[in-house]
Amino acid sequence: MAAGLLLAVLVAATPADYYNRANQAYEAGDYLGAIELYDSAAVQVTHADVLFNRGNAYFKTGQTGRAIADYSRAWVLNPYDPEPRQNLEFCRAYRPDKTATLPNPLVRFLVAMLRVLDLGLVKLLTGALFLLALAALALLFIRGGRAWVWVSAGLGALCLYSFLSWMSWSQAVGPDRAVVVVPEVVLRSGPGEDYKDIVVVHDGLEGSIRSRRGRYVLLQVPGGTGGWADSSAVLRIFP
């Protein structure tokens, strides 16, 4: 009887089970319980829906930085769904620390165009299109003809787009990208509490980790300002 009960528990404790129970907890307003269940699902499987819903639960509990991290991850895993990107932009507008300058609309448009396909796909496409473009170019030299000019040029243009998309996504998932995940943290001039205070930043501010010394990290934030903070206050978005 005990063995059968244990087997039933093990069978039930699948990522799908944790995910469904987390959704139920979220709908019931138990956001902290939902986060724990989403955590259990995320340990076993990395899926955009798990990360997106956990991001929603984090936002409901006032954890803006962790929500930003999960929305960013979900967007990378599934760029075809507009909701992670929309929630990410909303979170960025909601956080206490606002950027001094607005994003360039042209840059935003180009980024959106370069991130239409997911990272794994553009990696494959870049290699395949490069080989096809080389083959078309070789046929152009061997056979000649205007048709091969257009074929090789078209494949080359597609290969260039795919490569630029790859580079754009690679920048987005860089291991130095980080976000503040505590209500408030002081950035200091050195790795320790005895150093001079530079600036106070808040939950949700994104930046880049430039160095690490012991339990401290050097965080560079928008505008060129940077300072040292306890690593527990900062979360790598793509570890």
C-alpha atoms as a PDB file:
ATOM      1  CA  MET A   1       0.000   0.000   0.000  1.00  0.00           C
ATOM      2  CA  ALA A   2       2.797   2.407   0.982  1.00  0.00           C
ATOM      3  CA  ALA A   3       4.786   1.537  -2.142  1.00  0.00           C
ATOM      4  CA  GLY A   4       1.754   2.168  -4.315  1.00  0.00           C
ATOM      5  CA  LEU A   5       1.164   5.551  -2.686  1.00  0.00           C
ATOM      6  CA  LEU A   6       4.817   6.535  -3.197  1.00  0.00           C
ATOM      7  CA  LEU A   7       4.620   5.506  -6.849  1.00  0.00           C
ATOM      8  CA  ALA A   8       1.469   7.590  -7.324  1.00  0.00           C
ATOM      9  CA  VAL A   9       3.185  10.645  -5.807  1.00  0.00           C
ATOM     10  CA  LEU A  10       6.230  10.202  -8.047  1.00  0.00           C
ATOM     11  CA  VAL A  11       4.074   9.807 -11.131  1.00  0.00           C
ATOM     12  CA  ALA A  12       2.015  12.882 -10.227  1.00  0.00           C
ATOM     13  CA  ALA A  13       5.053  15.106  -9.569  1.00  0.00           C
ATOM     14  CA  THR A  14       5.747  15.914 -13.207  1.00  0.00           C
ATOM     15  CA  PRO A  15       6.532  19.364 -14.615  1.00  0.00           C
ATOM     16  CA  ALA A  16       3.031  19.468 -16.104  1.00  0.00           C
ATOM     17  CA  ASP A  17       1.523  18.675 -12.706  1.00  0.00           C
ATOM     18  CA  TYR A  18       3.535  21.405 -10.981  1.00  0.00           C
ATOM     19  CA  TYR A  19       2.638  23.830 -13.773  1.00  0.00           C
ATOM     20  CA  ASN A  20      -1.087  23.113 -13.565  1.00  0.00           C
ATOM     21  CA  ARG A  21      -1.096  23.366  -9.772  1.00  0.00           C
ATOM     22  CA  ALA A  22       0.841  26.623 -10.012  1.00  0.00           C
ATOM     23  CA  ASN A  23      -1.743  28.024 -12.413  1.00  0.00           C
ATOM     24  CA  GLN A  24      -4.500  27.060  -9.996  1.00  0.00           C
ATOM     25  CA  ALA A  25      -2.690  28.749  -7.116  1.00  0.00           C
ATOM     26  CA  TYR A  26      -2.211  31.858  -9.248  1.00  0.00           C
ATOM     27  CA  GLU A  27      -5.897  31.995 -10.151  1.00  0.00           C
ATOM     28  CA  ALA A  28      -6.735  31.630  -6.454  1.00  0.00           C
ATOM     29  CA  GLY A  29      -4.534  34.604  -5.600  1.00  0.00           C
ATOM     30  CA  ASP A  30      -1.840  32.529  -3.865  1.00  0.00           C
ATOM     31  CA  TYR A  31       1.038  34.091  -5.807  1.00  0.00           C
ATOM     32  CA  LEU A  32       3.813  32.991  -3.449  1.00  0.00           C
ATOM     33  CA  GLY A  33       2.554  29.412  -3.587  1.00  0.00           C
ATOM     34  CA  ALA A  34       2.378  29.660  -7.367  1.00  0.00           C
ATOM     35  CA  ILE A  35       6.006  30.808  -7.516  1.00  0.00           C
ATOM     36  CA  GLU A  36       7.127  27.783  -5.492  1.00  0.00           C
ATOM     37  CA  LEU A  37       5.268  25.425  -7.822  1.00  0.00           C
ATOM     38  CA  TYR A  38       6.598  27.160 -10.940  1.00  0.00           C
ATOM     39  CA  ASP A  39      10.082  26.817  -9.427  1.00  0.00           C
ATOM     40  CA  SER A  40       9.545  23.071  -9.106  1.00  0.00           C
ATOM     41  CA  ALA A  41       8.430  22.855 -12.734  1.00  0.00           C
ATOM     42  CA  ALA A  42      11.358  25.007 -13.912  1.00  0.00           C
ATOM     43  CA  VAL A  43      13.872  22.730 -12.191  1.00  0.00           C
ATOM     44  CA  GLN A  44      12.815  19.863 -14.456  1.00  0.00           C
ATOM     45  CA  VAL A  45      12.053  21.686 -17.705  1.00  0.00           C
ATOM     46  CA  THR A  46      12.778  25.088 -19.240  1.00  0.00           C
ATOM     47  CA  HIS A  47       9.656  26.312 -21.004  1.00  0.00           C
ATOM     48  CA  ALA A  48       8.533  29.788 -22.010  1.00  0.00           C
ATOM     49  CA  ASP A  49       5.056  29.351 -20.512  1.00  0.00           C
ATOM     50  CA  VAL A  50       6.467  28.384 -17.104  1.00  0.00           C
ATOM     51  CA  LEU A  51       8.799  31.385 -17.070  1.00  0.00           C
ATOM     52  CA  PHE A  52       6.142  33.787 -18.352  1.00  0.00           C
ATOM     53  CA  ASN A  53       3.572  32.737 -15.761  1.00  0.00           C
ATOM     54  CA  ARG A  54       6.165  32.809 -12.993  1.00  0.00           C
ATOM     55  CA  GLY A  55       7.047  36.321 -14.138  1.00  0.00           C
ATOM     56  CA  ASN A  56       3.399  37.291 -13.719  1.00  0.00           C
ATOM     57  CA  ALA A  57       3.404  35.846 -10.201  1.00  0.00           C
ATOM     58  CA  TYR A  58       6.601  37.712  -9.352  1.00  0.00           C
ATOM     59  CA  PHE A  59       5.058  40.952 -10.584  1.00  0.00           C
ATOM     60  CA  LYS A  60       1.941  40.358  -8.487  1.00  0.00           C
ATOM     61  CA  THR A  61       4.146  40.022  -5.390  1.00  0.00           C
ATOM     62  CA  GLY A  62       6.044  43.215  -6.173  1.00  0.00           C
ATOM     63  CA  GLN A  63       9.252  41.494  -7.313  1.00  0.00           C
ATOM     64  CA  THR A  64       9.792  43.571 -10.431  1.00  0.00           C
ATOM     65  CA  GLY A  65      13.393  42.519 -11.048  1.00  0.00           C
ATOM     66  CA  ARG A  66      12.637  38.809 -11.004  1.00  0.00           C
ATOM     67  CA  ALA A  67       9.621  39.408 -13.245  1.00  0.00           C
ATOM     68  CA  ILE A  68      11.843  41.239 -15.747  1.00  0.00           C
ATOM     69  CA  ALA A  69      14.290  38.323 -15.718  1.00  0.00           C
ATOM     70  CA  ASP A  70      11.563  35.756 -16.400  1.00  0.00           C
ATOM     71  CA  TYR A  71       9.879  37.825 -19.114  1.00  0.00           C
ATOM     72  CA  SER A  72      13.261  38.258 -20.817  1.00  0.00           C
ATOM     73  CA  ARG A  73      13.905  34.504 -20.729  1.00  0.00           C
ATOM     74  CA  ALA A  74      10.409  33.686 -21.981  1.00  0.00           C
ATOM     75  CA  TRP A  75      10.789  36.127 -24.876  1.00  0.00           C
ATOM     76  CA  VAL A  76      14.043  34.476 -25.957  1.00  0.00           C
ATOM     77  CA  LEU A  77      12.504  31.008 -25.796  1.00  0.00           C
ATOM     78  CA  ASN A  78       9.346  32.015 -27.667  1.00  0.00           C
ATOM     79  CA  PRO A  79       9.664  35.280 -29.621  1.00  0.00           C
ATOM     80  CA  TYR A  80       6.523  34.358 -31.585  1.00  0.00           C
ATOM     81  CA  ASP A  81       4.335  35.151 -28.554  1.00  0.00           C
ATOM     82  CA  PRO A  82       4.019  38.944 -28.096  1.00  0.00           C
ATOM     83  CA  GLU A  83       2.966  38.763 -24.432  1.00  0.00           C
ATOM     84  CA  PRO A  84       6.430  38.266 -22.831  1.00  0.00           C
ATOM     85  CA  ARG A  85       7.809  41.275 -24.707  1.00  0.00           C
ATOM     86  CA  GLN A  86       4.756  43.401 -23.873  1.00  0.00           C
ATOM     87  CA  ASN A  87       4.909  42.496 -20.179  1.00  0.00           C
ATOM     88  CA  LEU A  88       8.649  43.124 -20.190  1.00  0.00           C
ATOM     89  CA  GLU A  89       8.129  46.630 -21.551  1.00  0.00           C
ATOM     90  CA  PHE A  90       5.368  47.265 -19.001  1.00  0.00           C
ATOM     91  CA  CYS A  91       7.627  46.116 -16.154  1.00  0.00           C
ATOM     92  CA  ARG A  92      10.414  48.375 -17.335  1.00  0.00           C
ATOM     93  CA  ALA A  93       8.041  51.338 -17.321  1.00  0.00           C
ATOM     94  CA  TYR A  94       6.774  50.371 -13.860  1.00  0.00           C
ATOM     95  CA  ARG A  95      10.140  50.075 -12.050  1.00  0.00           C
ATOM     96  CA  PRO A  96      11.269  52.958  -9.792  1.00  0.00           C
ATOM     97  CA  ASP A  97      14.469  53.809 -11.687  1.00  0.00           C
ATOM     98  CA  LYS A  98      13.601  55.278 -15.078  1.00  0.00           C
ATOM     99  CA  THR A  99      16.184  55.573 -17.834  1.00  0.00           C
ATOM    100  CA  ALA A 100      17.289  59.129 -18.585  1.00  0.00           C
ATOM    101  CA  THR A 101      16.798  58.770 -22.336  1.00  0.00           C
ATOM    102  CA  LEU A 102      14.053  57.121 -24.331  1.00  0.00           C
ATOM    103  CA  PRO A 103      15.002  54.268 -26.669  1.00  0.00           C
ATOM    104  CA  ASN A 104      15.552  55.306 -30.269  1.00  0.00           C
ATOM    105  CA  PRO A 105      12.419  54.269 -32.257  1.00  0.00           C
ATOM    106  CA  LEU A 106      14.567  53.181 -35.195  1.00  0.00           C
ATOM    107  CA  VAL A 107      16.709  50.982 -32.951  1.00  0.00           C
ATOM    108  CA  ARG A 108      13.597  49.461 -31.393  1.00  0.00           C
ATOM    109  CA  PHE A 109      12.192  48.731 -34.858  1.00  0.00           C
ATOM    110  CA  LEU A 110      15.434  47.111 -36.029  1.00  0.00           C
ATOM    111  CA  VAL A 111      15.664  44.987 -32.893  1.00  0.00           C
ATOM    112  CA  ALA A 112      12.061  43.836 -33.367  1.00  0.00           C
ATOM    113  CA  MET A 113      12.788  42.917 -36.988  1.00  0.00           C
ATOM    114  CA  LEU A 114      15.958  41.014 -36.067  1.00  0.00           C
ATOM    115  CA  ARG A 115      14.241  39.021 -33.328  1.00  0.00           C
ATOM    116  CA  VAL A 116      11.339  37.628 -35.311  1.00  0.00           C
ATOM    117  CA  LEU A 117      12.797  34.098 -35.316  1.00  0.00           C
ATOM    118  CA  ASP A 118      14.173  32.284 -32.281  1.00  0.00           C
ATOM    119  CA  LEU A 119      17.881  31.963 -31.567  1.00  0.00           C
ATOM    120  CA  GLY A 120      18.171  28.252 -32.283  1.00  0.00           C
ATOM    121  CA  LEU A 121      16.519  28.632 -35.667  1.00  0.00           C
ATOM    122  CA  VAL A 122      18.645  31.564 -36.821  1.00  0.00           C
ATOM    123  CA  LYS A 123      21.807  29.654 -35.910  1.00  0.00           C
ATOM    124  CA  LEU A 124      20.756  26.803 -38.181  1.00  0.00           C
ATOM    125  CA  LEU A 125      19.592  29.149 -40.924  1.00  0.00           C
ATOM    126  CA  THR A 126      22.849  31.106 -40.911  1.00  0.00           C
ATOM    127  CA  GLY A 127      24.902  27.972 -41.565  1.00  0.00           C
ATOM    128  CA  ALA A 128      22.505  26.557 -44.156  1.00  0.00           C
ATOM    129  CA  LEU A 129      22.081  29.835 -46.045  1.00  0.00           C
ATOM    130  CA  PHE A 130      25.831  30.443 -46.056  1.00  0.00           C
ATOM    131  CA  LEU A 131      26.440  27.063 -47.714  1.00  0.00           C
ATOM    132  CA  LEU A 132      23.627  27.618 -50.206  1.00  0.00           C
ATOM    133  CA  ALA A 133      24.937  31.080 -51.060  1.00  0.00           C
ATOM    134  CA  LEU A 134      28.408  29.660 -51.677  1.00  0.00           C
ATOM    135  CA  ALA A 135      26.928  26.935 -53.882  1.00  0.00           C
ATOM    136  CA  ALA A 136      24.910  29.492 -55.874  1.00  0.00           C
ATOM    137  CA  LEU A 137      28.006  31.671 -56.265  1.00  0.00           C
ATOM    138  CA  ALA A 138      29.996  28.699 -57.527  1.00  0.00           C
ATOM    139  CA  LEU A 139      27.268  27.895 -60.069  1.00  0.00           C
ATOM    140  CA  LEU A 140      27.295  31.530 -61.155  1.00  0.00           C
ATOM    141  CA  PHE A 141      31.000  31.300 -62.004  1.00  0.00           C
ATOM    142  CA  ILE A 142      30.611  27.902 -63.665  1.00  0.00           C
ATOM    143  CA  ARG A 143      27.416  28.427 -65.664  1.00  0.00           C
ATOM    144  CA  GLY A 144      26.961  32.182 -65.681  1.00  0.00           C
ATOM    145  CA  GLY A 145      23.556  33.716 -66.307  1.00  0.00           C
ATOM    146  CA  ARG A 146      21.580  36.485 -64.674  1.00  0.00           C
ATOM    147  CA  ALA A 147      19.379  34.041 -62.768  1.00  0.00           C
ATOM    148  CA  TRP A 148      22.292  32.811 -60.656  1.00  0.00           C
ATOM    149  CA  VAL A 149      23.240  36.399 -59.902  1.00  0.00           C
ATOM    150  CA  TRP A 150      19.839  36.984 -58.340  1.00  0.00           C
ATOM    151  CA  VAL A 151      19.823  33.618 -56.573  1.00  0.00           C
ATOM    152  CA  SER A 152      23.254  34.126 -55.008  1.00  0.00           C
ATOM    153  CA  ALA A 153      22.435  37.731 -54.076  1.00  0.00           C
ATOM    154  CA  GLY A 154      19.130  36.714 -52.501  1.00  0.00           C
ATOM    155  CA  LEU A 155      20.675  33.888 -50.515  1.00  0.00           C
ATOM    156  CA  GLY A 156      23.499  36.185 -49.428  1.00  0.00           C
ATOM    157  CA  ALA A 157      21.011  38.805 -48.206  1.00  0.00           C
ATOM    158  CA  LEU A 158      19.041  36.184 -46.265  1.00  0.00           C
ATOM    159  CA  CYS A 159      22.264  34.835 -44.783  1.00  0.00           C
ATOM    160  CA  LEU A 160      23.265  38.357 -43.699  1.00  0.00           C
ATOM    161  CA  TYR A 161      19.873  38.929 -42.058  1.00  0.00           C
ATOM    162  CA  SER A 162      20.085  35.586 -40.263  1.00  0.00           C
ATOM    163  CA  PHE A 163      23.612  36.357 -39.066  1.00  0.00           C
ATOM    164  CA  LEU A 164      22.601  39.809 -37.772  1.00  0.00           C
ATOM    165  CA  SER A 165      19.626  38.204 -36.017  1.00  0.00           C
ATOM    166  CA  TRP A 166      21.999  35.715 -34.407  1.00  0.00           C
ATOM    167  CA  MET A 167      24.235  38.534 -33.200  1.00  0.00           C
ATOM    168  CA  SER A 168      21.259  40.486 -31.847  1.00  0.00           C
ATOM    169  CA  TRP A 169      19.982  37.511 -29.875  1.00  0.00           C
ATOM    170  CA  SER A 170      23.497  36.707 -28.637  1.00  0.00           C
ATOM    171  CA  GLN A 171      23.715  40.206 -27.205  1.00  0.00           C
ATOM    172  CA  ALA A 172      20.320  39.780 -25.558  1.00  0.00           C
ATOM    173  CA  VAL A 173      21.334  36.534 -23.817  1.00  0.00           C
ATOM    174  CA  GLY A 174      24.811  37.676 -22.798  1.00  0.00           C
ATOM    175  CA  PRO A 175      25.976  36.210 -19.459  1.00  0.00           C
ATOM    176  CA  ASP A 176      26.823  39.686 -18.116  1.00  0.00           C
ATOM    177  CA  ARG A 177      23.205  40.912 -18.259  1.00  0.00           C
ATOM    178  CA  ALA A 178      21.761  41.315 -14.774  1.00  0.00           C
ATOM    179  CA  VAL A 179      18.903  42.909 -12.868  1.00  0.00           C
ATOM    180  CA  VAL A 180      18.543  44.232  -9.321  1.00  0.00           C
ATOM    181  CA  VAL A 181      16.192  41.977  -7.328  1.00  0.00           C
ATOM    182  CA  VAL A 182      16.046  43.714  -3.936  1.00  0.00           C
ATOM    183  CA  PRO A 183      13.962  46.794  -3.059  1.00  0.00           C
ATOM    184  CA  GLU A 184      17.066  48.966  -2.741  1.00  0.00           C
ATOM    185  CA  VAL A 185      20.837  48.561  -2.978  1.00  0.00           C
ATOM    186  CA  VAL A 186      23.739  50.997  -2.683  1.00  0.00           C
ATOM    187  CA  LEU A 187      26.403  50.849  -5.394  1.00  0.00           C
ATOM    188  CA  ARG A 188      29.791  51.624  -3.882  1.00  0.00           C
ATOM    189  CA  SER A 189      33.225  52.576  -5.174  1.00  0.00           C
ATOM    190  CA  GLY A 190      34.731  49.269  -4.082  1.00  0.00           C
ATOM    191  CA  PRO A 191      33.846  45.684  -3.101  1.00  0.00           C
ATOM    192  CA  GLY A 192      32.858  46.291   0.496  1.00  0.00           C
ATOM    193  CA  GLU A 193      30.639  48.300   2.801  1.00  0.00           C
ATOM    194  CA  ASP A 194      33.531  50.581   3.838  1.00  0.00           C
ATOM    195  CA  TYR A 195      33.803  52.125   0.377  1.00  0.00           C
ATOM    196  CA  LYS A 196      32.178  55.371  -0.684  1.00  0.00           C
ATOM    197  CA  ASP A 197      28.511  55.304  -1.731  1.00  0.00           C
ATOM    198  CA  ILE A 198      27.997  56.206  -5.394  1.00  0.00           C
ATOM    199  CA  VAL A 199      24.306  55.772  -6.093  1.00  0.00           C
ATOM    200  CA  VAL A 200      21.217  54.014  -4.750  1.00  0.00           C
ATOM    201  CA  VAL A 201      19.360  51.806  -7.242  1.00  0.00           C
ATOM    202  CA  HIS A 202      16.138  49.879  -6.908  1.00  0.00           C
ATOM    203  CA  ASP A 203      14.369  46.676  -7.809  1.00  0.00           C
ATOM    204  CA  GLY A 204      14.104  46.094 -11.545  1.00  0.00           C
ATOM    205  CA  LEU A 205      17.061  48.169 -12.748  1.00  0.00           C
ATOM    206  CA  GLU A 206      18.963  46.280 -15.434  1.00  0.00           C
ATOM    207  CA  GLY A 207      22.685  46.492 -15.973  1.00  0.00           C
ATOM    208  CA  SER A 208      25.826  44.514 -16.797  1.00  0.00           C
ATOM    209  CA  ILE A 209      28.131  42.661 -14.457  1.00  0.00           C
ATOM    210  CA  ARG A 210      31.681  43.724 -15.301  1.00  0.00           C
ATOM    211  CA  SER A 211      33.676  42.033 -12.553  1.00  0.00           C
ATOM    212  CA  ARG A 212      33.388  39.926  -9.417  1.00  0.00           C
ATOM    213  CA  ARG A 213      35.388  39.969  -6.194  1.00  0.00           C
ATOM    214  CA  GLY A 214      34.350  37.553  -3.505  1.00  0.00           C
ATOM    215  CA  ARG A 215      30.671  38.104  -2.799  1.00  0.00           C
ATOM    216  CA  TYR A 216      30.602  41.470  -4.588  1.00  0.00           C
ATOM    217  CA  VAL A 217      29.942  42.284  -8.240  1.00  0.00           C
ATOM    218  CA  LEU A 218      30.702  45.412 -10.235  1.00  0.00           C
ATOM    219  CA  LEU A 219      27.394  46.450 -11.807  1.00  0.00           C
ATOM    220  CA  GLN A 220      27.301  48.953 -14.659  1.00  0.00           C
ATOM    221  CA  VAL A 221      23.907  50.580 -15.095  1.00  0.00           C
ATOM    222  CA  PRO A 222      22.466  52.750 -17.909  1.00  0.00           C
ATOM    223  CA  GLY A 223      24.083  56.152 -18.245  1.00  0.00           C
ATOM    224  CA  GLY A 224      27.578  54.832 -17.554  1.00  0.00           C
ATOM    225  CA  THR A 225      27.199  54.827 -13.764  1.00  0.00           C
ATOM    226  CA  GLY A 226      28.451  51.763 -11.980  1.00  0.00           C
ATOM    227  CA  GLY A 227      29.471  50.454  -8.609  1.00  0.00           C
ATOM    228  CA  TRP A 228      29.984  47.429  -6.436  1.00  0.00           C
ATOM    229  CA  ALA A 229      27.083  45.612  -4.807  1.00  0.00           C
ATOM    230  CA  ASP A 230      26.515  42.398  -2.874  1.00  0.00           C
ATOM    231  CA  SER A 231      25.907  39.635  -5.407  1.00  0.00           C
ATOM    232  CA  SER A 232      22.748  38.576  -3.540  1.00  0.00           C
ATOM    233  CA  ALA A 233      21.128  41.853  -4.652  1.00  0.00           C
ATOM    234  CA  VAL A 234      21.717  41.141  -8.335  1.00  0.00           C
ATOM    235  CA  LEU A 235      20.429  38.323 -10.524  1.00  0.00           C
ATOM    236  CA  ARG A 236      22.022  37.207 -13.767  1.00  0.00           C
ATOM    237  CA  ILE A 237      19.232  37.054 -16.323  1.00  0.00           C
ATOM    238  CA  PHE A 238      20.948  34.404 -18.447  1.00  0.00           C
ATOM    239  CA  PRO A 239      23.328  32.491 -16.163  1.00  0.00           C
END
